[in-house]
Amino acid sequence: MDALFDVDSSRGLNDAEKALVRKRLKNRINKEGFLVVSCQETRSQRKNKERALEMLIDLLRKAARPPKKRKLTKALKADPEKRLARKKLHSRKKALRKRVDLP
């Protein structure tokens, strides 16, 4: 069973939420601008309709949620030093594996 939702003429979403929904769910929106959700989990048409509506509401809630702000982190002072120390150890280990030519 299919559940259809007209994103552009919705009064429950503001313009920013509509843009987020259109962007995040563009693969589920058809040429006419309807968001399509289908469900065929059960043999009962009524249960499939109810499940499709639940899925539609869940999709809209998740898609209309604004993205989280990214927290910037500072680079630690010890990180470059540890990385260089590991590289030196690795280099020394590889150098010891070289073939030694005897005179």
PDB file of N, CA and C in Angstrom:
ATOM      1  N   MET A   1       0.848  -1.175   0.000  1.00  0.00           N
ATOM      2  CA  MET A   1       0.000   0.000   0.000  1.00  0.00           C
ATOM      3  C   MET A   1       0.889   1.232   0.000  1.00  0.00           C
ATOM      4  N   ASP A   2       0.510   2.241  -0.742  1.00  0.00           N
ATOM      5  CA  ASP A   2       1.309   3.467  -0.841  1.00  0.00           C
ATOM      6  C   ASP A   2       0.723   4.581   0.005  1.00  0.00           C
ATOM      7  N   ALA A   3       1.613   5.380   0.580  1.00  0.00           N
ATOM      8  CA  ALA A   3       1.238   6.604   1.276  1.00  0.00           C
ATOM      9  C   ALA A   3       1.899   7.745   0.521  1.00  0.00           C
ATOM     10  N   LEU A   4       1.131   8.747   0.168  1.00  0.00           N
ATOM     11  CA  LEU A   4       1.639   9.890  -0.590  1.00  0.00           C
ATOM     12  C   LEU A   4       1.607  11.142   0.275  1.00  0.00           C
ATOM     13  N   PHE A   5       2.619  12.006   0.093  1.00  0.00           N
ATOM     14  CA  PHE A   5       2.688  13.253   0.837  1.00  0.00           C
ATOM     15  C   PHE A   5       3.205  14.327  -0.101  1.00  0.00           C
ATOM     16  N   ASP A   6       2.426  15.401  -0.246  1.00  0.00           N
ATOM     17  CA  ASP A   6       2.825  16.507  -1.114  1.00  0.00           C
ATOM     18  C   ASP A   6       3.710  17.457  -0.312  1.00  0.00           C
ATOM     19  N   VAL A   7       4.986  17.423  -0.588  1.00  0.00           N
ATOM     20  CA  VAL A   7       5.957  18.188   0.199  1.00  0.00           C
ATOM     21  C   VAL A   7       5.771  19.685  -0.016  1.00  0.00           C
ATOM     22  N   ASP A   8       5.596  20.111  -1.264  1.00  0.00           N
ATOM     23  CA  ASP A   8       5.545  21.546  -1.580  1.00  0.00           C
ATOM     24  C   ASP A   8       4.322  22.252  -1.020  1.00  0.00           C
ATOM     25  N   SER A   9       3.174  21.584  -0.967  1.00  0.00           N
ATOM     26  CA  SER A   9       1.967  22.260  -0.490  1.00  0.00           C
ATOM     27  C   SER A   9       1.658  21.941   0.974  1.00  0.00           C
ATOM     28  N   SER A  10       2.608  21.391   1.679  1.00  0.00           N
ATOM     29  CA  SER A  10       2.399  21.048   3.084  1.00  0.00           C
ATOM     30  C   SER A  10       2.394  22.302   3.951  1.00  0.00           C
ATOM     31  N   ARG A  11       1.437  22.377   4.856  1.00  0.00           N
ATOM     32  CA  ARG A  11       1.378  23.502   5.792  1.00  0.00           C
ATOM     33  C   ARG A  11       2.099  23.179   7.092  1.00  0.00           C
ATOM     34  N   GLY A  12       2.381  21.915   7.327  1.00  0.00           N
ATOM     35  CA  GLY A  12       3.029  21.498   8.565  1.00  0.00           C
ATOM     36  C   GLY A  12       4.537  21.696   8.565  1.00  0.00           C
ATOM     37  N   LEU A  13       5.109  21.977   7.402  1.00  0.00           N
ATOM     38  CA  LEU A  13       6.552  22.169   7.298  1.00  0.00           C
ATOM     39  C   LEU A  13       6.852  23.590   6.844  1.00  0.00           C
ATOM     40  N   ASN A  14       7.867  24.204   7.445  1.00  0.00           N
ATOM     41  CA  ASN A  14       8.276  25.528   6.958  1.00  0.00           C
ATOM     42  C   ASN A  14       9.203  25.340   5.752  1.00  0.00           C
ATOM     43  N   ASP A  15       9.625  26.442   5.159  1.00  0.00           N
ATOM     44  CA  ASP A  15      10.402  26.366   3.921  1.00  0.00           C
ATOM     45  C   ASP A  15      11.745  25.663   4.117  1.00  0.00           C
ATOM     46  N   ALA A  16      12.389  25.904   5.254  1.00  0.00           N
ATOM     47  CA  ALA A  16      13.687  25.262   5.515  1.00  0.00           C
ATOM     48  C   ALA A  16      13.509  23.752   5.657  1.00  0.00           C
ATOM     49  N   GLU A  17      12.463  23.327   6.356  1.00  0.00           N
ATOM     50  CA  GLU A  17      12.198  21.902   6.517  1.00  0.00           C
ATOM     51  C   GLU A  17      11.833  21.257   5.184  1.00  0.00           C
ATOM     52  N   LYS A  18      11.066  21.958   4.362  1.00  0.00           N
ATOM     53  CA  LYS A  18      10.724  21.432   3.039  1.00  0.00           C
ATOM     54  C   LYS A  18      11.977  21.221   2.191  1.00  0.00           C
ATOM     55  N   ALA A  19      12.904  22.189   2.265  1.00  0.00           N
ATOM     56  CA  ALA A  19      14.147  22.065   1.501  1.00  0.00           C
ATOM     57  C   ALA A  19      14.960  20.864   1.997  1.00  0.00           C
ATOM     58  N   LEU A  20      15.022  20.672   3.317  1.00  0.00           N
ATOM     59  CA  LEU A  20      15.742  19.523   3.868  1.00  0.00           C
ATOM     60  C   LEU A  20      15.109  18.209   3.426  1.00  0.00           C
ATOM     61  N   VAL A  21      13.780  18.144   3.459  1.00  0.00           N
ATOM     62  CA  VAL A  21      13.067  16.928   3.064  1.00  0.00           C
ATOM     63  C   VAL A  21      13.310  16.650   1.585  1.00  0.00           C
ATOM     64  N   ARG A  22      13.209  17.684   0.749  1.00  0.00           N
ATOM     65  CA  ARG A  22      13.448  17.498  -0.688  1.00  0.00           C
ATOM     66  C   ARG A  22      14.865  17.025  -0.964  1.00  0.00           C
ATOM     67  N   LYS A  23      15.828  17.553  -0.212  1.00  0.00           N
ATOM     68  CA  LYS A  23      17.228  17.193  -0.429  1.00  0.00           C
ATOM     69  C   LYS A  23      17.514  15.774   0.066  1.00  0.00           C
ATOM     70  N   ARG A  24      17.055  15.450   1.264  1.00  0.00           N
ATOM     71  CA  ARG A  24      17.394  14.162   1.869  1.00  0.00           C
ATOM     72  C   ARG A  24      16.580  12.990   1.323  1.00  0.00           C
ATOM     73  N   LEU A  25      15.374  13.265   0.851  1.00  0.00           N
ATOM     74  CA  LEU A  25      14.513  12.189   0.365  1.00  0.00           C
ATOM     75  C   LEU A  25      14.225  12.313  -1.130  1.00  0.00           C
ATOM     76  N   LYS A  26      15.165  12.872  -1.880  1.00  0.00           N
ATOM     77  CA  LYS A  26      14.931  13.114  -3.301  1.00  0.00           C
ATOM     78  C   LYS A  26      14.693  11.824  -4.084  1.00  0.00           C
ATOM     79  N   ASN A  27      15.241  10.705  -3.618  1.00  0.00           N
ATOM     80  CA  ASN A  27      15.033   9.450  -4.343  1.00  0.00           C
ATOM     81  C   ASN A  27      13.647   8.867  -4.095  1.00  0.00           C
ATOM     82  N   ARG A  28      12.918   9.369  -3.114  1.00  0.00           N
ATOM     83  CA  ARG A  28      11.568   8.888  -2.830  1.00  0.00           C
ATOM     84  C   ARG A  28      10.486   9.848  -3.342  1.00  0.00           C
ATOM     85  N   ILE A  29      10.875  10.988  -3.880  1.00  0.00           N
ATOM     86  CA  ILE A  29       9.912  11.974  -4.380  1.00  0.00           C
ATOM     87  C   ILE A  29       9.767  11.783  -5.886  1.00  0.00           C
ATOM     88  N   ASN A  30       8.511  11.652  -6.347  1.00  0.00           N
ATOM     89  CA  ASN A  30       8.279  11.406  -7.776  1.00  0.00           C
ATOM     90  C   ASN A  30       8.254  12.724  -8.560  1.00  0.00           C
ATOM     91  N   LYS A  31       7.979  12.651  -9.840  1.00  0.00           N
ATOM     92  CA  LYS A  31       8.010  13.830 -10.716  1.00  0.00           C
ATOM     93  C   LYS A  31       6.960  14.862 -10.350  1.00  0.00           C
ATOM     94  N   GLU A  32       5.843  14.402  -9.789  1.00  0.00           N
ATOM     95  CA  GLU A  32       4.768  15.327  -9.407  1.00  0.00           C
ATOM     96  C   GLU A  32       5.045  16.019  -8.069  1.00  0.00           C
ATOM     97  N   GLY A  33       6.106  15.638  -7.367  1.00  0.00           N
ATOM     98  CA  GLY A  33       6.463  16.270  -6.098  1.00  0.00           C
ATOM     99  C   GLY A  33       5.896  15.569  -4.879  1.00  0.00           C
ATOM    100  N   PHE A  34       5.397  14.348  -5.051  1.00  0.00           N
ATOM    101  CA  PHE A  34       4.846  13.595  -3.922  1.00  0.00           C
ATOM    102  C   PHE A  34       5.906  12.671  -3.346  1.00  0.00           C
ATOM    103  N   LEU A  35       5.985  12.658  -2.033  1.00  0.00           N
ATOM    104  CA  LEU A  35       6.827  11.710  -1.331  1.00  0.00           C
ATOM    105  C   LEU A  35       6.053  10.407  -1.240  1.00  0.00           C
ATOM    106  N   VAL A  36       6.632   9.323  -1.748  1.00  0.00           N
ATOM    107  CA  VAL A  36       5.930   8.042  -1.837  1.00  0.00           C
ATOM    108  C   VAL A  36       6.584   7.035  -0.893  1.00  0.00           C
ATOM    109  N   VAL A  37       5.745   6.438  -0.030  1.00  0.00           N
ATOM    110  CA  VAL A  37       6.197   5.369   0.854  1.00  0.00           C
ATOM    111  C   VAL A  37       5.240   4.209   0.666  1.00  0.00           C
ATOM    112  N   SER A  38       5.789   3.033   0.378  1.00  0.00           N
ATOM    113  CA  SER A  38       4.932   1.873   0.195  1.00  0.00           C
ATOM    114  C   SER A  38       5.284   0.793   1.202  1.00  0.00           C
ATOM    115  N   CYS A  39       4.267  -0.021   1.527  1.00  0.00           N
ATOM    116  CA  CYS A  39       4.451  -1.097   2.497  1.00  0.00           C
ATOM    117  C   CYS A  39       3.610  -2.293   2.056  1.00  0.00           C
ATOM    118  N   GLN A  40       4.237  -3.470   2.048  1.00  0.00           N
ATOM    119  CA  GLN A  40       3.536  -4.705   1.719  1.00  0.00           C
ATOM    120  C   GLN A  40       3.975  -5.803   2.675  1.00  0.00           C
ATOM    121  N   GLU A  41       4.071  -5.458   3.945  1.00  0.00           N
ATOM    122  CA  GLU A  41       4.560  -6.406   4.940  1.00  0.00           C
ATOM    123  C   GLU A  41       3.532  -7.473   5.303  1.00  0.00           C
ATOM    124  N   THR A  42       2.260  -7.082   5.343  1.00  0.00           N
ATOM    125  CA  THR A  42       1.232  -8.031   5.764  1.00  0.00           C
ATOM    126  C   THR A  42       0.241  -8.269   4.634  1.00  0.00           C
ATOM    127  N   ARG A  43      -0.655  -9.210   4.858  1.00  0.00           N
ATOM    128  CA  ARG A  43      -1.695  -9.476   3.862  1.00  0.00           C
ATOM    129  C   ARG A  43      -2.881  -8.540   4.040  1.00  0.00           C
ATOM    130  N   SER A  44      -2.910  -7.827   5.149  1.00  0.00           N
ATOM    131  CA  SER A  44      -4.017  -6.927   5.443  1.00  0.00           C
ATOM    132  C   SER A  44      -3.752  -5.542   4.847  1.00  0.00           C
ATOM    133  N   GLN A  45      -4.693  -5.068   4.041  1.00  0.00           N
ATOM    134  CA  GLN A  45      -4.546  -3.759   3.422  1.00  0.00           C
ATOM    135  C   GLN A  45      -4.540  -2.656   4.473  1.00  0.00           C
ATOM    136  N   ARG A  46      -5.394  -2.784   5.484  1.00  0.00           N
ATOM    137  CA  ARG A  46      -5.484  -1.768   6.537  1.00  0.00           C
ATOM    138  C   ARG A  46      -4.166  -1.670   7.309  1.00  0.00           C
ATOM    139  N   LYS A  47      -3.586  -2.808   7.663  1.00  0.00           N
ATOM    140  CA  LYS A  47      -2.321  -2.802   8.396  1.00  0.00           C
ATOM    141  C   LYS A  47      -1.192  -2.227   7.546  1.00  0.00           C
ATOM    142  N   ASN A  48      -1.198  -2.530   6.258  1.00  0.00           N
ATOM    143  CA  ASN A  48      -0.188  -1.972   5.367  1.00  0.00           C
ATOM    144  C   ASN A  48      -0.325  -0.457   5.254  1.00  0.00           C
ATOM    145  N   LYS A  49      -1.566   0.040   5.202  1.00  0.00           N
ATOM    146  CA  LYS A  49      -1.787   1.494   5.161  1.00  0.00           C
ATOM    147  C   LYS A  49      -1.269   2.151   6.431  1.00  0.00           C
ATOM    148  N   GLU A  50      -1.599   1.544   7.583  1.00  0.00           N
ATOM    149  CA  GLU A  50      -1.149   2.099   8.863  1.00  0.00           C
ATOM    150  C   GLU A  50       0.372   2.095   8.947  1.00  0.00           C
ATOM    151  N   ARG A  51       0.977   1.008   8.527  1.00  0.00           N
ATOM    152  CA  ARG A  51       2.441   0.896   8.568  1.00  0.00           C
ATOM    153  C   ARG A  51       3.089   1.894   7.612  1.00  0.00           C
ATOM    154  N   ALA A  52       2.498   2.092   6.433  1.00  0.00           N
ATOM    155  CA  ALA A  52       3.028   3.072   5.471  1.00  0.00           C
ATOM    156  C   ALA A  52       2.947   4.484   6.045  1.00  0.00           C
ATOM    157  N   LEU A  53       1.853   4.799   6.731  1.00  0.00           N
ATOM    158  CA  LEU A  53       1.727   6.123   7.353  1.00  0.00           C
ATOM    159  C   LEU A  53       2.751   6.302   8.470  1.00  0.00           C
ATOM    160  N   GLU A  54       2.969   5.270   9.275  1.00  0.00           N
ATOM    161  CA  GLU A  54       3.992   5.346  10.326  1.00  0.00           C
ATOM    162  C   GLU A  54       5.379   5.578   9.723  1.00  0.00           C
ATOM    163  N   MET A  55       5.667   4.855   8.649  1.00  0.00           N
ATOM    164  CA  MET A  55       6.959   5.006   7.989  1.00  0.00           C
ATOM    165  C   MET A  55       7.114   6.410   7.405  1.00  0.00           C
ATOM    166  N   LEU A  56       6.044   6.932   6.832  1.00  0.00           N
ATOM    167  CA  LEU A  56       6.066   8.272   6.257  1.00  0.00           C
ATOM    168  C   LEU A  56       6.341   9.316   7.331  1.00  0.00           C
ATOM    169  N   ILE A  57       5.644   9.212   8.454  1.00  0.00           N
ATOM    170  CA  ILE A  57       5.833  10.175   9.547  1.00  0.00           C
ATOM    171  C   ILE A  57       7.253  10.084  10.087  1.00  0.00           C
ATOM    172  N   ASP A  58       7.761   8.870  10.243  1.00  0.00           N
ATOM    173  CA  ASP A  58       9.119   8.679  10.742  1.00  0.00           C
ATOM    174  C   ASP A  58      10.142   9.271   9.775  1.00  0.00           C
ATOM    175  N   LEU A  59       9.960   9.029   8.478  1.00  0.00           N
ATOM    176  CA  LEU A  59      10.864   9.596   7.471  1.00  0.00           C
ATOM    177  C   LEU A  59      10.858  11.119   7.505  1.00  0.00           C
ATOM    178  N   LEU A  60       9.670  11.705   7.609  1.00  0.00           N
ATOM    179  CA  LEU A  60       9.568  13.164   7.637  1.00  0.00           C
ATOM    180  C   LEU A  60      10.229  13.747   8.877  1.00  0.00           C
ATOM    181  N   ARG A  61      10.039  13.104  10.016  1.00  0.00           N
ATOM    182  CA  ARG A  61      10.680  13.593  11.250  1.00  0.00           C
ATOM    183  C   ARG A  61      12.195  13.577  11.122  1.00  0.00           C
ATOM    184  N   LYS A  62      12.729  12.477  10.615  1.00  0.00           N
ATOM    185  CA  LYS A  62      14.179  12.362  10.493  1.00  0.00           C
ATOM    186  C   LYS A  62      14.745  13.316   9.440  1.00  0.00           C
ATOM    187  N   ALA A  63      14.031  13.469   8.339  1.00  0.00           N
ATOM    188  CA  ALA A  63      14.543  14.305   7.245  1.00  0.00           C
ATOM    189  C   ALA A  63      14.434  15.791   7.563  1.00  0.00           C
ATOM    190  N   ALA A  64      13.417  16.197   8.330  1.00  0.00           N
ATOM    191  CA  ALA A  64      13.208  17.615   8.616  1.00  0.00           C
ATOM    192  C   ALA A  64      14.059  18.103   9.780  1.00  0.00           C
ATOM    193  N   ARG A  65      14.709  17.174  10.481  1.00  0.00           N
ATOM    194  CA  ARG A  65      15.557  17.563  11.613  1.00  0.00           C
ATOM    195  C   ARG A  65      16.786  18.286  11.087  1.00  0.00           C
ATOM    196  N   PRO A  66      17.105  19.464  11.633  1.00  0.00           N
ATOM    197  CA  PRO A  66      18.281  20.190  11.150  1.00  0.00           C
ATOM    198  C   PRO A  66      19.570  19.443  11.503  1.00  0.00           C
ATOM    199  N   PRO A  67      20.597  19.581  10.679  1.00  0.00           N
ATOM    200  CA  PRO A  67      21.853  18.873  10.951  1.00  0.00           C
ATOM    201  C   PRO A  67      22.535  19.411  12.206  1.00  0.00           C
ATOM    202  N   LYS A  68      23.258  18.531  12.895  1.00  0.00           N
ATOM    203  CA  LYS A  68      23.971  18.935  14.098  1.00  0.00           C
ATOM    204  C   LYS A  68      25.182  19.778  13.720  1.00  0.00           C
ATOM    205  N   LYS A  69      25.507  20.722  14.572  1.00  0.00           N
ATOM    206  CA  LYS A  69      26.694  21.541  14.364  1.00  0.00           C
ATOM    207  C   LYS A  69      27.932  20.718  14.713  1.00  0.00           C
ATOM    208  N   ARG A  70      28.927  20.821  13.900  1.00  0.00           N
ATOM    209  CA  ARG A  70      30.162  20.086  14.135  1.00  0.00           C
ATOM    210  C   ARG A  70      31.015  20.840  15.140  1.00  0.00           C
ATOM    211  N   LYS A  71      31.510  20.124  16.149  1.00  0.00           N
ATOM    212  CA  LYS A  71      32.386  20.727  17.141  1.00  0.00           C
ATOM    213  C   LYS A  71      33.820  20.611  16.652  1.00  0.00           C
ATOM    214  N   LEU A  72      34.477  21.746  16.560  1.00  0.00           N
ATOM    215  CA  LEU A  72      35.858  21.739  16.105  1.00  0.00           C
ATOM    216  C   LEU A  72      36.760  21.255  17.234  1.00  0.00           C
ATOM    217  N   THR A  73      37.740  20.466  16.898  1.00  0.00           N
ATOM    218  CA  THR A  73      38.681  19.975  17.890  1.00  0.00           C
ATOM    219  C   THR A  73      40.067  20.492  17.564  1.00  0.00           C
ATOM    220  N   LYS A  74      40.863  20.657  18.612  1.00  0.00           N
ATOM    221  CA  LYS A  74      42.232  21.119  18.413  1.00  0.00           C
ATOM    222  C   LYS A  74      43.147  19.915  18.296  1.00  0.00           C
ATOM    223  N   ALA A  75      44.183  20.064  17.506  1.00  0.00           N
ATOM    224  CA  ALA A  75      45.169  19.001  17.385  1.00  0.00           C
ATOM    225  C   ALA A  75      45.993  18.949  18.667  1.00  0.00           C
ATOM    226  N   LEU A  76      46.271  17.767  19.129  1.00  0.00           N
ATOM    227  CA  LEU A  76      47.066  17.620  20.341  1.00  0.00           C
ATOM    228  C   LEU A  76      48.545  17.825  20.029  1.00  0.00           C
ATOM    229  N   LYS A  77      49.275  18.349  20.999  1.00  0.00           N
ATOM    230  CA  LYS A  77      50.697  18.594  20.784  1.00  0.00           C
ATOM    231  C   LYS A  77      51.487  17.302  20.647  1.00  0.00           C
ATOM    232  N   ALA A  78      51.077  16.276  21.355  1.00  0.00           N
ATOM    233  CA  ALA A  78      51.842  15.020  21.363  1.00  0.00           C
ATOM    234  C   ALA A  78      51.635  14.200  20.091  1.00  0.00           C
ATOM    235  N   ASP A  79      50.585  14.440  19.369  1.00  0.00           N
ATOM    236  CA  ASP A  79      50.275  13.601  18.205  1.00  0.00           C
ATOM    237  C   ASP A  79      51.377  13.582  17.145  1.00  0.00           C
ATOM    238  N   PRO A  80      51.866  14.739  16.667  1.00  0.00           N
ATOM    239  CA  PRO A  80      52.920  14.679  15.640  1.00  0.00           C
ATOM    240  C   PRO A  80      54.199  14.013  16.162  1.00  0.00           C
ATOM    241  N   GLU A  81      54.512  14.262  17.432  1.00  0.00           N
ATOM    242  CA  GLU A  81      55.719  13.666  17.996  1.00  0.00           C
ATOM    243  C   GLU A  81      55.593  12.138  18.068  1.00  0.00           C
ATOM    244  N   LYS A  82      54.452  11.645  18.493  1.00  0.00           N
ATOM    245  CA  LYS A  82      54.238  10.199  18.559  1.00  0.00           C
ATOM    246  C   LYS A  82      54.295   9.580  17.173  1.00  0.00           C
ATOM    247  N   ARG A  83      53.694  10.236  16.214  1.00  0.00           N
ATOM    248  CA  ARG A  83      53.690   9.714  14.852  1.00  0.00           C
ATOM    249  C   ARG A  83      55.107   9.637  14.302  1.00  0.00           C
ATOM    250  N   LEU A  84      55.907  10.680  14.522  1.00  0.00           N
ATOM    251  CA  LEU A  84      57.283  10.677  14.032  1.00  0.00           C
ATOM    252  C   LEU A  84      58.125   9.623  14.749  1.00  0.00           C
ATOM    253  N   ALA A  85      57.871   9.447  16.036  1.00  0.00           N
ATOM    254  CA  ALA A  85      58.614   8.420  16.782  1.00  0.00           C
ATOM    255  C   ALA A  85      58.276   7.030  16.252  1.00  0.00           C
ATOM    256  N   ARG A  86      56.998   6.790  15.967  1.00  0.00           N
ATOM    257  CA  ARG A  86      56.593   5.488  15.409  1.00  0.00           C
ATOM    258  C   ARG A  86      57.230   5.269  14.039  1.00  0.00           C
ATOM    259  N   LYS A  87      57.295   6.332  13.233  1.00  0.00           N
ATOM    260  CA  LYS A  87      57.902   6.210  11.910  1.00  0.00           C
ATOM    261  C   LYS A  87      59.392   5.871  12.007  1.00  0.00           C
ATOM    262  N   LYS A  88      60.081   6.497  12.980  1.00  0.00           N
ATOM    263  CA  LYS A  88      61.507   6.213  13.150  1.00  0.00           C
ATOM    264  C   LYS A  88      61.730   4.763  13.580  1.00  0.00           C
ATOM    265  N   LEU A  89      60.893   4.275  14.502  1.00  0.00           N
ATOM    266  CA  LEU A  89      60.998   2.888  14.941  1.00  0.00           C
ATOM    267  C   LEU A  89      60.770   1.930  13.778  1.00  0.00           C
ATOM    268  N   HIS A  90      59.769   2.209  12.989  1.00  0.00           N
ATOM    269  CA  HIS A  90      59.439   1.365  11.850  1.00  0.00           C
ATOM    270  C   HIS A  90      60.583   1.378  10.834  1.00  0.00           C
ATOM    271  N   SER A  91      61.153   2.551  10.609  1.00  0.00           N
ATOM    272  CA  SER A  91      62.253   2.698   9.664  1.00  0.00           C
ATOM    273  C   SER A  91      63.470   1.911  10.144  1.00  0.00           C
ATOM    274  N   ARG A  92      63.758   2.000  11.442  1.00  0.00           N
ATOM    275  CA  ARG A  92      64.900   1.282  11.995  1.00  0.00           C
ATOM    276  C   ARG A  92      64.692  -0.230  11.871  1.00  0.00           C
ATOM    277  N   LYS A  93      63.471  -0.677  12.138  1.00  0.00           N
ATOM    278  CA  LYS A  93      63.151  -2.097  12.032  1.00  0.00           C
ATOM    279  C   LYS A  93      63.370  -2.582  10.591  1.00  0.00           C
ATOM    280  N   LYS A  94      62.945  -1.802   9.620  1.00  0.00           N
ATOM    281  CA  LYS A  94      63.116  -2.176   8.217  1.00  0.00           C
ATOM    282  C   LYS A  94      64.600  -2.171   7.831  1.00  0.00           C
ATOM    283  N   ALA A  95      65.352  -1.196   8.375  1.00  0.00           N
ATOM    284  CA  ALA A  95      66.775  -1.093   8.030  1.00  0.00           C
ATOM    285  C   ALA A  95      67.536  -2.298   8.554  1.00  0.00           C
ATOM    286  N   LEU A  96      67.132  -2.814   9.702  1.00  0.00           N
ATOM    287  CA  LEU A  96      67.816  -3.990  10.272  1.00  0.00           C
ATOM    288  C   LEU A  96      67.556  -5.245   9.446  1.00  0.00           C
ATOM    289  N   ARG A  97      66.541  -5.259   8.634  1.00  0.00           N
ATOM    290  CA  ARG A  97      66.220  -6.416   7.809  1.00  0.00           C
ATOM    291  C   ARG A  97      67.009  -6.443   6.498  1.00  0.00           C
ATOM    292  N   LYS A  98      67.728  -5.375   6.226  1.00  0.00           N
ATOM    293  CA  LYS A  98      68.507  -5.308   4.977  1.00  0.00           C
ATOM    294  C   LYS A  98      69.584  -6.369   4.939  1.00  0.00           C
ATOM    295  N   ARG A  99      69.938  -6.708   3.751  1.00  0.00           N
ATOM    296  CA  ARG A  99      71.000  -7.687   3.543  1.00  0.00           C
ATOM    297  C   ARG A  99      72.366  -7.034   3.799  1.00  0.00           C
ATOM    298  N   VAL A 100      73.189  -7.718   4.521  1.00  0.00           N
ATOM    299  CA  VAL A 100      74.518  -7.172   4.844  1.00  0.00           C
ATOM    300  C   VAL A 100      75.552  -7.881   3.950  1.00  0.00           C
ATOM    301  N   ASP A 101      76.334  -7.106   3.231  1.00  0.00           N
ATOM    302  CA  ASP A 101      77.394  -7.654   2.380  1.00  0.00           C
ATOM    303  C   ASP A 101      78.684  -7.736   3.168  1.00  0.00           C
ATOM    304  N   LEU A 102      79.253  -8.920   3.258  1.00  0.00           N
ATOM    305  CA  LEU A 102      80.533  -9.117   3.954  1.00  0.00           C
ATOM    306  C   LEU A 102      81.677  -8.985   2.973  1.00  0.00           C
ATOM    307  N   PRO A 103      82.814  -8.391   3.413  1.00  0.00           N
ATOM    308  CA  PRO A 103      83.969  -8.228   2.501  1.00  0.00           C
ATOM    309  C   PRO A 103      84.691  -9.513   2.236  1.00  0.00           C
TER     310      PRO A 103
END
